[in-house]
C-alpha atoms as a PDB file:
ATOM      1  CA  MET A   1     206.318   4.653 178.116  1.00  0.00           C
ATOM      2  CA  LEU A   2     207.482   8.164 177.204  1.00  0.00           C
ATOM      3  CA  LEU A   3     207.706   9.292 180.818  1.00  0.00           C
ATOM      4  CA  HIS A   4     209.764   6.436 182.276  1.00  0.00           C
ATOM      5  CA  HIS A   5     211.689   7.657 185.338  1.00  0.00           C
ATOM      6  CA  LYS A   6     215.010   6.163 184.201  1.00  0.00           C
ATOM      7  CA  ASN A   7     214.945   8.122 180.958  1.00  0.00           C
ATOM      8  CA  PRO A   8     215.380  11.904 180.739  1.00  0.00           C
ATOM      9  CA  THR A   9     212.033  13.665 180.304  1.00  0.00           C
ATOM     10  CA  PRO A  10     211.640  15.128 176.787  1.00  0.00           C
ATOM     11  CA  SER A  11     211.559  18.931 176.534  1.00  0.00           C
ATOM     12  CA  ILE A  12     208.235  20.727 176.089  1.00  0.00           C
ATOM     13  CA  PHE A  13     209.120  21.346 172.423  1.00  0.00           C
ATOM     14  CA  GLU A  14     209.747  17.639 171.812  1.00  0.00           C
ATOM     15  CA  PHE A  15     206.471  16.882 173.554  1.00  0.00           C
ATOM     16  CA  GLY A  16     204.678  19.351 171.283  1.00  0.00           C
ATOM     17  CA  LYS A  17     205.995  17.446 168.247  1.00  0.00           C
ATOM     18  CA  ILE A  18     205.002  14.065 169.715  1.00  0.00           C
ATOM     19  CA  LEU A  19     201.489  15.264 170.595  1.00  0.00           C
ATOM     20  CA  GLY A  20     201.107  16.952 167.200  1.00  0.00           C
ATOM     21  CA  SER A  21     201.949  13.738 165.339  1.00  0.00           C
ATOM     22  CA  LEU A  22     199.465  11.792 167.490  1.00  0.00           C
ATOM     23  CA  VAL A  23     196.735  14.344 166.673  1.00  0.00           C
ATOM     24  CA  LYS A  24     197.419  13.868 162.942  1.00  0.00           C
ATOM     25  CA  ALA A  25     196.784  10.147 163.485  1.00  0.00           C
ATOM     26  CA  ASN A  26     193.497  11.004 165.338  1.00  0.00           C
ATOM     27  CA  HIS A  27     194.741   9.551 168.651  1.00  0.00           C
ATOM     28  CA  TYR A  28     192.986  12.232 170.720  1.00  0.00           C
ATOM     29  CA  SER A  29     192.477  10.187 173.907  1.00  0.00           C
ATOM     30  CA  ILE A  30     196.169   9.187 173.951  1.00  0.00           C
ATOM     31  CA  VAL A  31     197.172  12.861 173.628  1.00  0.00           C
ATOM     32  CA  VAL A  32     194.972  13.783 176.617  1.00  0.00           C
ATOM     33  CA  SER A  33     196.508  10.947 178.664  1.00  0.00           C
ATOM     34  CA  LEU A  34     200.106  11.869 177.738  1.00  0.00           C
ATOM     35  CA  HIS A  35     199.468  15.540 178.451  1.00  0.00           C
ATOM     36  CA  ARG A  36     198.212  14.588 181.910  1.00  0.00           C
ATOM     37  CA  GLN A  37     201.380  12.509 182.514  1.00  0.00           C
ATOM     38  CA  MET A  38     203.519  15.354 181.209  1.00  0.00           C
ATOM     39  CA  GLU A  39     202.111  17.815 183.769  1.00  0.00           C
ATOM     40  CA  PHE A  40     202.267  15.157 186.527  1.00  0.00           C
ATOM     41  CA  ASN A  41     206.007  14.885 185.843  1.00  0.00           C
ATOM     42  CA  GLY A  42     206.410  18.636 186.355  1.00  0.00           C
ATOM     43  CA  LEU A  43     206.712  19.713 182.720  1.00  0.00           C
ATOM     44  CA  ALA A  44     204.783  22.980 182.305  1.00  0.00           C
ATOM     45  CA  SER A  45     202.501  23.323 179.279  1.00  0.00           C
ATOM     46  CA  ASN A  46     203.084  26.005 176.688  1.00  0.00           C
ATOM     47  CA  LEU A  47     200.691  27.585 174.172  1.00  0.00           C
ATOM     48  CA  VAL A  48     201.365  24.839 171.592  1.00  0.00           C
ATOM     49  CA  THR A  49     200.563  21.913 173.922  1.00  0.00           C
ATOM     50  CA  LEU A  50     197.505  23.700 175.364  1.00  0.00           C
ATOM     51  CA  SER A  51     196.192  24.446 171.862  1.00  0.00           C
ATOM     52  CA  ILE A  52     196.681  20.775 170.949  1.00  0.00           C
ATOM     53  CA  LEU A  53     194.753  19.810 174.090  1.00  0.00           C
ATOM     54  CA  ILE A  54     191.858  22.125 173.140  1.00  0.00           C
ATOM     55  CA  ASN A  55     191.726  20.471 169.717  1.00  0.00           C
ATOM     56  CA  CYS A  56     191.618  16.982 171.269  1.00  0.00           C
ATOM     57  CA  TYR A  57     188.838  17.843 173.722  1.00  0.00           C
ATOM     58  CA  SER A  58     186.876  19.495 170.890  1.00  0.00           C
ATOM     59  CA  GLN A  59     187.233  16.407 168.679  1.00  0.00           C
ATOM     60  CA  LEU A  60     186.161  14.192 171.599  1.00  0.00           C
ATOM     61  CA  GLY A  61     183.077  16.368 172.125  1.00  0.00           C
ATOM     62  CA  GLN A  62     184.237  17.496 175.574  1.00  0.00           C
ATOM     63  CA  ASN A  63     183.648  21.214 175.041  1.00  0.00           C
ATOM     64  CA  ALA A  64     183.502  22.101 178.750  1.00  0.00           C
ATOM     65  CA  LEU A  65     187.091  20.839 179.070  1.00  0.00           C
ATOM     66  CA  SER A  66     188.104  22.696 175.880  1.00  0.00           C
ATOM     67  CA  PHE A  67     186.898  25.974 177.355  1.00  0.00           C
ATOM     68  CA  SER A  68     188.569  25.132 180.680  1.00  0.00           C
ATOM     69  CA  VAL A  69     191.920  24.825 178.865  1.00  0.00           C
ATOM     70  CA  PHE A  70     191.136  28.061 176.997  1.00  0.00           C
ATOM     71  CA  ALA A  71     190.572  29.809 180.343  1.00  0.00           C
ATOM     72  CA  ASN A  72     193.961  28.443 181.450  1.00  0.00           C
ATOM     73  CA  ILE A  73     195.573  29.948 178.322  1.00  0.00           C
ATOM     74  CA  LEU A  74     194.106  33.371 179.171  1.00  0.00           C
ATOM     75  CA  LYS A  75     195.127  32.980 182.830  1.00  0.00           C
ATOM     76  CA  LYS A  76     198.738  32.296 181.805  1.00  0.00           C
ATOM     77  CA  GLY A  77     198.709  35.474 179.722  1.00  0.00           C
ATOM     78  CA  TYR A  78     199.130  33.769 176.347  1.00  0.00           C
ATOM     79  CA  GLY A  79     197.622  35.616 173.393  1.00  0.00           C
ATOM     80  CA  SER A  80     194.790  33.792 171.643  1.00  0.00           C
ATOM     81  CA  ASP A  81     194.714  33.554 167.863  1.00  0.00           C
ATOM     82  CA  ALA A  82     192.169  32.688 165.166  1.00  0.00           C
ATOM     83  CA  ILE A  83     193.286  29.032 165.174  1.00  0.00           C
ATOM     84  CA  THR A  84     192.367  28.598 168.856  1.00  0.00           C
ATOM     85  CA  PHE A  85     189.027  30.375 168.399  1.00  0.00           C
ATOM     86  CA  THR A  86     188.242  28.263 165.316  1.00  0.00           C
ATOM     87  CA  THR A  87     189.022  25.043 167.215  1.00  0.00           C
ATOM     88  CA  LEU A  88     186.604  26.013 169.997  1.00  0.00           C
ATOM     89  CA  ILE A  89     183.922  27.011 167.461  1.00  0.00           C
ATOM     90  CA  LYS A  90     184.400  23.738 165.571  1.00  0.00           C
ATOM     91  CA  GLY A  91     184.001  21.743 168.792  1.00  0.00           C
ATOM     92  CA  LEU A  92     180.646  23.417 169.484  1.00  0.00           C
ATOM     93  CA  CYS A  93     179.508  22.911 165.870  1.00  0.00           C
ATOM     94  CA  LEU A  94     180.447  19.212 165.970  1.00  0.00           C
ATOM     95  CA  LYS A  95     178.012  18.813 168.897  1.00  0.00           C
ATOM     96  CA  GLY A  96     175.325  20.769 167.006  1.00  0.00           C
ATOM     97  CA  GLU A  97     175.615  23.653 169.486  1.00  0.00           C
ATOM     98  CA  ILE A  98     175.663  26.246 166.710  1.00  0.00           C
ATOM     99  CA  HIS A  99     173.949  28.983 168.756  1.00  0.00           C
ATOM    100  CA  LYS A 100     176.612  28.675 171.469  1.00  0.00           C
ATOM    101  CA  ALA A 101     179.242  28.927 168.708  1.00  0.00           C
ATOM    102  CA  LEU A 102     177.624  32.106 167.320  1.00  0.00           C
ATOM    103  CA  HIS A 103     177.378  33.592 170.805  1.00  0.00           C
ATOM    104  CA  PHE A 104     181.075  32.825 171.380  1.00  0.00           C
ATOM    105  CA  HIS A 105     181.894  34.453 168.018  1.00  0.00           C
ATOM    106  CA  ASP A 106     180.007  37.621 168.957  1.00  0.00           C
ATOM    107  CA  LYS A 107     181.778  37.753 172.324  1.00  0.00           C
ATOM    108  CA  VAL A 108     185.231  37.304 170.730  1.00  0.00           C
ATOM    109  CA  VAL A 109     184.607  39.955 168.045  1.00  0.00           C
ATOM    110  CA  ALA A 110     183.228  42.404 170.664  1.00  0.00           C
ATOM    111  CA  GLN A 111     186.546  42.055 172.528  1.00  0.00           C
ATOM    112  CA  GLY A 112     188.411  43.160 169.401  1.00  0.00           C
ATOM    113  CA  PHE A 113     189.746  39.796 168.210  1.00  0.00           C
ATOM    114  CA  LYS A 114     189.796  38.992 164.508  1.00  0.00           C
ATOM    115  CA  LEU A 115     188.729  35.646 163.084  1.00  0.00           C
ATOM    116  CA  ASN A 116     189.741  34.310 159.671  1.00  0.00           C
ATOM    117  CA  GLN A 117     188.043  32.668 156.663  1.00  0.00           C
ATOM    118  CA  VAL A 118     188.378  29.207 158.236  1.00  0.00           C
ATOM    119  CA  SER A 119     186.559  30.434 161.376  1.00  0.00           C
ATOM    120  CA  TYR A 120     183.668  31.844 159.370  1.00  0.00           C
ATOM    121  CA  GLY A 121     183.591  28.841 157.046  1.00  0.00           C
ATOM    122  CA  THR A 122     183.221  26.644 160.151  1.00  0.00           C
ATOM    123  CA  LEU A 123     180.287  28.706 161.455  1.00  0.00           C
ATOM    124  CA  ILE A 124     178.525  28.728 158.070  1.00  0.00           C
ATOM    125  CA  ASN A 125     179.047  24.966 157.755  1.00  0.00           C
ATOM    126  CA  GLY A 126     177.675  24.514 161.285  1.00  0.00           C
ATOM    127  CA  LEU A 127     174.496  26.427 160.408  1.00  0.00           C
ATOM    128  CA  CYS A 128     173.983  24.462 157.175  1.00  0.00           C
ATOM    129  CA  LYS A 129     174.589  21.122 158.944  1.00  0.00           C
ATOM    130  CA  VAL A 130     171.639  21.774 161.289  1.00  0.00           C
ATOM    131  CA  GLY A 131     169.442  22.788 158.328  1.00  0.00           C
ATOM    132  CA  GLN A 132     169.645  26.549 158.898  1.00  0.00           C
ATOM    133  CA  THR A 133     170.695  27.454 155.349  1.00  0.00           C
ATOM    134  CA  ARG A 134     168.769  30.752 155.359  1.00  0.00           C
ATOM    135  CA  ALA A 135     170.463  31.748 158.612  1.00  0.00           C
ATOM    136  CA  ALA A 136     173.830  30.852 157.036  1.00  0.00           C
ATOM    137  CA  LEU A 137     173.067  33.138 154.085  1.00  0.00           C
ATOM    138  CA  GLU A 138     172.044  35.964 156.438  1.00  0.00           C
ATOM    139  CA  PHE A 139     175.259  35.425 158.402  1.00  0.00           C
ATOM    140  CA  LEU A 140     177.276  35.642 155.172  1.00  0.00           C
ATOM    141  CA  ARG A 141     175.573  38.962 154.384  1.00  0.00           C
ATOM    142  CA  ARG A 142     176.358  40.227 157.899  1.00  0.00           C
ATOM    143  CA  ILE A 143     180.089  39.467 157.741  1.00  0.00           C
ATOM    144  CA  ASP A 144     180.706  40.118 154.019  1.00  0.00           C
ATOM    145  CA  GLY A 145     183.459  42.750 153.684  1.00  0.00           C
ATOM    146  CA  LYS A 146     182.979  43.894 157.287  1.00  0.00           C
ATOM    147  CA  LEU A 147     184.531  41.073 159.286  1.00  0.00           C
ATOM    148  CA  VAL A 148     185.999  38.915 156.509  1.00  0.00           C
ATOM    149  CA  GLN A 149     186.167  38.523 152.731  1.00  0.00           C
ATOM    150  CA  PRO A 150     184.034  35.476 151.831  1.00  0.00           C
ATOM    151  CA  ASP A 151     185.784  32.675 149.950  1.00  0.00           C
ATOM    152  CA  VAL A 152     184.718  29.838 147.655  1.00  0.00           C
ATOM    153  CA  VAL A 153     184.327  27.412 150.607  1.00  0.00           C
ATOM    154  CA  MET A 154     181.696  29.626 152.300  1.00  0.00           C
ATOM    155  CA  TYR A 155     179.750  30.043 149.064  1.00  0.00           C
ATOM    156  CA  ASN A 156     179.966  26.320 148.238  1.00  0.00           C
ATOM    157  CA  THR A 157     178.609  25.386 151.674  1.00  0.00           C
ATOM    158  CA  ILE A 158     175.534  27.622 151.312  1.00  0.00           C
ATOM    159  CA  ILE A 159     174.982  26.639 147.652  1.00  0.00           C
ATOM    160  CA  ASP A 160     175.022  22.980 148.776  1.00  0.00           C
ATOM    161  CA  GLY A 161     172.497  23.723 151.539  1.00  0.00           C
ATOM    162  CA  LEU A 162     170.172  25.545 149.120  1.00  0.00           C
ATOM    163  CA  CYS A 163     170.364  22.690 146.595  1.00  0.00           C
ATOM    164  CA  LYS A 164     169.530  20.143 149.296  1.00  0.00           C
ATOM    165  CA  ASP A 165     166.541  22.338 150.250  1.00  0.00           C
ATOM    166  CA  LYS A 166     165.522  22.233 146.529  1.00  0.00           C
ATOM    167  CA  LEU A 167     166.074  26.001 146.271  1.00  0.00           C
ATOM    168  CA  VAL A 168     168.132  25.612 143.111  1.00  0.00           C
ATOM    169  CA  ASN A 169     167.258  29.064 141.695  1.00  0.00           C
ATOM    170  CA  ASP A 170     168.531  30.676 144.918  1.00  0.00           C
ATOM    171  CA  ALA A 171     171.669  28.529 144.670  1.00  0.00           C
ATOM    172  CA  PHE A 172     172.305  29.814 141.130  1.00  0.00           C
ATOM    173  CA  ASN A 173     171.748  33.408 142.259  1.00  0.00           C
ATOM    174  CA  LEU A 174     174.470  32.894 144.844  1.00  0.00           C
ATOM    175  CA  TYR A 175     176.701  31.303 142.194  1.00  0.00           C
ATOM    176  CA  PHE A 176     176.233  34.344 139.898  1.00  0.00           C
ATOM    177  CA  GLU A 177     176.966  36.677 142.836  1.00  0.00           C
ATOM    178  CA  MET A 178     180.139  34.741 143.569  1.00  0.00           C
ATOM    179  CA  VAL A 179     181.321  34.988 139.936  1.00  0.00           C
ATOM    180  CA  ALA A 180     180.528  38.734 139.890  1.00  0.00           C
ATOM    181  CA  LYS A 181     182.786  39.142 142.946  1.00  0.00           C
ATOM    182  CA  ARG A 182     185.596  37.377 141.023  1.00  0.00           C
ATOM    183  CA  ILE A 183     185.528  34.399 143.398  1.00  0.00           C
ATOM    184  CA  CYS A 184     186.343  31.483 141.092  1.00  0.00           C
ATOM    185  CA  PRO A 185     183.919  28.560 141.307  1.00  0.00           C
ATOM    186  CA  SER A 186     185.559  25.196 142.002  1.00  0.00           C
ATOM    187  CA  VAL A 187     184.708  21.672 140.891  1.00  0.00           C
ATOM    188  CA  VAL A 188     182.761  21.398 144.176  1.00  0.00           C
ATOM    189  CA  THR A 189     180.601  24.400 143.170  1.00  0.00           C
ATOM    190  CA  TYR A 190     179.698  22.811 139.840  1.00  0.00           C
ATOM    191  CA  ASN A 191     179.161  19.326 141.307  1.00  0.00           C
ATOM    192  CA  THR A 192     176.766  20.793 143.860  1.00  0.00           C
ATOM    193  CA  LEU A 193     174.777  22.751 141.249  1.00  0.00           C
ATOM    194  CA  ILE A 194     174.645  19.754 138.888  1.00  0.00           C
ATOM    195  CA  CYS A 195     173.382  17.596 141.769  1.00  0.00           C
ATOM    196  CA  GLY A 196     170.744  20.244 142.567  1.00  0.00           C
ATOM    197  CA  LEU A 197     169.562  20.337 138.950  1.00  0.00           C
ATOM    198  CA  CYS A 198     169.367  16.522 138.890  1.00  0.00           C
ATOM    199  CA  ILE A 199     167.273  16.531 142.088  1.00  0.00           C
ATOM    200  CA  MET A 200     164.871  18.908 140.305  1.00  0.00           C
ATOM    201  CA  ALA A 201     164.950  16.697 137.147  1.00  0.00           C
ATOM    202  CA  GLN A 202     166.416  19.596 135.112  1.00  0.00           C
ATOM    203  CA  LEU A 203     168.791  17.247 133.329  1.00  0.00           C
ATOM    204  CA  LYS A 204     169.215  19.342 130.176  1.00  0.00           C
ATOM    205  CA  ASP A 205     170.480  22.265 132.292  1.00  0.00           C
ATOM    206  CA  ALA A 206     172.730  19.865 134.230  1.00  0.00           C
ATOM    207  CA  ILE A 207     174.370  18.714 130.955  1.00  0.00           C
ATOM    208  CA  GLY A 208     174.778  22.365 129.947  1.00  0.00           C
ATOM    209  CA  LEU A 209     176.632  23.009 133.205  1.00  0.00           C
ATOM    210  CA  LEU A 210     178.897  20.007 132.584  1.00  0.00           C
ATOM    211  CA  HIS A 211     179.895  21.430 129.188  1.00  0.00           C
ATOM    212  CA  LYS A 212     180.444  24.856 130.796  1.00  0.00           C
ATOM    213  CA  MET A 213     182.835  23.224 133.285  1.00  0.00           C
ATOM    214  CA  ILE A 214     184.813  21.588 130.493  1.00  0.00           C
ATOM    215  CA  LEU A 215     184.951  24.843 128.482  1.00  0.00           C
ATOM    216  CA  GLU A 216     186.258  26.705 131.541  1.00  0.00           C
ATOM    217  CA  ASP A 217     188.989  24.083 132.112  1.00  0.00           C
ATOM    218  CA  ILE A 218     187.493  22.936 135.408  1.00  0.00           C
ATOM    219  CA  ASN A 219     188.060  19.192 135.220  1.00  0.00           C
ATOM    220  CA  PRO A 220     184.938  17.181 136.054  1.00  0.00           C
ATOM    221  CA  THR A 221     185.548  14.289 138.464  1.00  0.00           C
ATOM    222  CA  VAL A 222     184.136  10.768 138.522  1.00  0.00           C
ATOM    223  CA  TYR A 223     181.599  12.157 141.033  1.00  0.00           C
ATOM    224  CA  THR A 224     180.422  14.785 138.483  1.00  0.00           C
ATOM    225  CA  PHE A 225     179.785  12.171 135.789  1.00  0.00           C
ATOM    226  CA  SER A 226     178.285   9.648 138.222  1.00  0.00           C
ATOM    227  CA  ILE A 227     175.670  12.210 139.385  1.00  0.00           C
ATOM    228  CA  LEU A 228     174.519  12.725 135.790  1.00  0.00           C
ATOM    229  CA  ILE A 229     174.659   9.060 134.762  1.00  0.00           C
ATOM    230  CA  ASP A 230     172.656   8.066 137.850  1.00  0.00           C
ATOM    231  CA  ALA A 231     170.028  10.760 137.160  1.00  0.00           C
ATOM    232  CA  PHE A 232     169.518   9.632 133.541  1.00  0.00           C
ATOM    233  CA  CYS A 233     169.478   5.945 134.536  1.00  0.00           C
ATOM    234  CA  LYS A 234     166.811   6.556 137.191  1.00  0.00           C
ATOM    235  CA  GLU A 235     164.598   8.016 134.437  1.00  0.00           C
ATOM    236  CA  GLY A 236     165.386   5.123 132.095  1.00  0.00           C
ATOM    237  CA  LYS A 237     167.115   7.466 129.638  1.00  0.00           C
ATOM    238  CA  MET A 238     169.920   5.078 128.752  1.00  0.00           C
ATOM    239  CA  LYS A 239     170.924   6.823 125.510  1.00  0.00           C
ATOM    240  CA  GLU A 240     171.667  10.042 127.431  1.00  0.00           C
ATOM    241  CA  ALA A 241     173.434   8.094 130.196  1.00  0.00           C
ATOM    242  CA  LYS A 242     175.673   6.447 127.562  1.00  0.00           C
ATOM    243  CA  ASN A 243     176.402   9.871 126.029  1.00  0.00           C
ATOM    244  CA  VAL A 244     177.579  11.141 129.428  1.00  0.00           C
ATOM    245  CA  PHE A 245     179.656   7.967 129.826  1.00  0.00           C
ATOM    246  CA  ALA A 246     181.238   8.669 126.396  1.00  0.00           C
ATOM    247  CA  VAL A 247     182.159  12.222 127.495  1.00  0.00           C
ATOM    248  CA  MET A 248     183.620  10.716 130.671  1.00  0.00           C
ATOM    249  CA  MET A 249     185.868   8.419 128.617  1.00  0.00           C
ATOM    250  CA  LYS A 250     186.856  11.325 126.336  1.00  0.00           C
ATOM    251  CA  GLU A 251     187.851  13.378 129.391  1.00  0.00           C
ATOM    252  CA  ASP A 252     189.954  10.415 130.587  1.00  0.00           C
ATOM    253  CA  VAL A 253     188.016  10.035 133.839  1.00  0.00           C
ATOM    254  CA  LYS A 254     187.953   6.455 135.118  1.00  0.00           C
ATOM    255  CA  PRO A 255     184.493   5.107 136.128  1.00  0.00           C
ATOM    256  CA  ASN A 256     184.078   3.720 139.636  1.00  0.00           C
ATOM    257  CA  ILE A 257     181.729   1.186 141.216  1.00  0.00           C
ATOM    258  CA  VAL A 258     179.012   3.871 141.667  1.00  0.00           C
ATOM    259  CA  THR A 259     179.074   4.661 137.929  1.00  0.00           C
ATOM    260  CA  TYR A 260     178.772   0.981 136.987  1.00  0.00           C
ATOM    261  CA  ASN A 261     176.040   0.320 139.565  1.00  0.00           C
ATOM    262  CA  SER A 262     173.965   3.186 138.128  1.00  0.00           C
ATOM    263  CA  LEU A 263     174.360   1.821 134.586  1.00  0.00           C
ATOM    264  CA  MET A 264     173.383  -1.696 135.729  1.00  0.00           C
ATOM    265  CA  ASP A 265     170.304  -0.383 137.568  1.00  0.00           C
ATOM    266  CA  GLY A 266     169.347   1.673 134.506  1.00  0.00           C
ATOM    267  CA  HIS A 267     169.538  -1.310 132.162  1.00  0.00           C
ATOM    268  CA  HIS A 268     167.524  -3.434 134.602  1.00  0.00           C
ATOM    269  CA  LEU A 269     164.912  -0.647 134.711  1.00  0.00           C
ATOM    270  CA  VAL A 270     164.461  -0.768 130.916  1.00  0.00           C
ATOM    271  CA  ASN A 271     164.650  -4.606 130.927  1.00  0.00           C
ATOM    272  CA  VAL A 272     167.948  -4.886 129.060  1.00  0.00           C
ATOM    273  CA  VAL A 273     169.271  -7.553 131.420  1.00  0.00           C
ATOM    274  CA  LYS A 274     171.928  -8.850 129.003  1.00  0.00           C
ATOM    275  CA  LYS A 275     173.613  -5.423 128.940  1.00  0.00           C
ATOM    276  CA  ALA A 276     173.383  -5.176 132.741  1.00  0.00           C
ATOM    277  CA  LYS A 277     175.206  -8.521 133.047  1.00  0.00           C
ATOM    278  CA  SER A 278     177.870  -7.304 130.604  1.00  0.00           C
ATOM    279  CA  ILE A 279     178.435  -4.191 132.775  1.00  0.00           C
ATOM    280  CA  PHE A 280     178.630  -6.409 135.857  1.00  0.00           C
ATOM    281  CA  ASN A 281     181.378  -8.479 134.204  1.00  0.00           C
ATOM    282  CA  THR A 282     183.261  -5.285 133.302  1.00  0.00           C
ATOM    283  CA  MET A 283     182.905  -4.070 136.890  1.00  0.00           C
ATOM    284  CA  ALA A 284     184.246  -7.383 138.249  1.00  0.00           C
ATOM    285  CA  GLN A 285     187.473  -6.762 136.337  1.00  0.00           C
ATOM    286  CA  ILE A 286     188.223  -3.308 137.815  1.00  0.00           C
END
């Protein structure tokens, strides 16, 4: 064990590195246990090890303990930064306690602390995860340019929420707003909008968006093509599905099991079983 009495106890900095590497491997419970042993052996925590501990408790859903460690940080006179605040906010969001997270945000901002784009992205994601997309959009309006400059991640999260709520027109309005602000859409933005259009059976518009992506040098992924192929297959439009598949090959994007499954299902739907079996054999070779 790391804290064997016969061996010299590692310094707090070495411990920080050890705990940090364990966190990267998602060994949160082990970190908590080692931190407890560390303090038992008389090695005082520093801001790094306490911040790591907050992260572990947050990931384990033990928010009361996270805030207890945070209180300890303040008691020791350490300055808190956006990373610590974001970790605490994320812990609350992971438990679905979004209103507690928003209340904590308001309290922190009122005390003059500044949060960053990751902090606000976490809060917006938390609101969307519990189905409060409208509230997320209102929150974006509230913070826009006043507390933070919105980024592509915040916009993508709300666009995704609107598409899932079948509010595709509102999602496109947000997309146009984003472009007007010179925030470059990402492949995630386009995938989300294409998925939204497919949900609404607006497949012609979805294909138009795919071509727009390609023209703007935003490389579609296997996920992009699979969304479209699946949508056409579900409607039995195999010619269109094959056209998308041809574009996929032209763009040098390798199909995956989802792509092949959609094509098989589509051929079964239109009773072309022989072709479905051929696709199955192709899939077995990948």
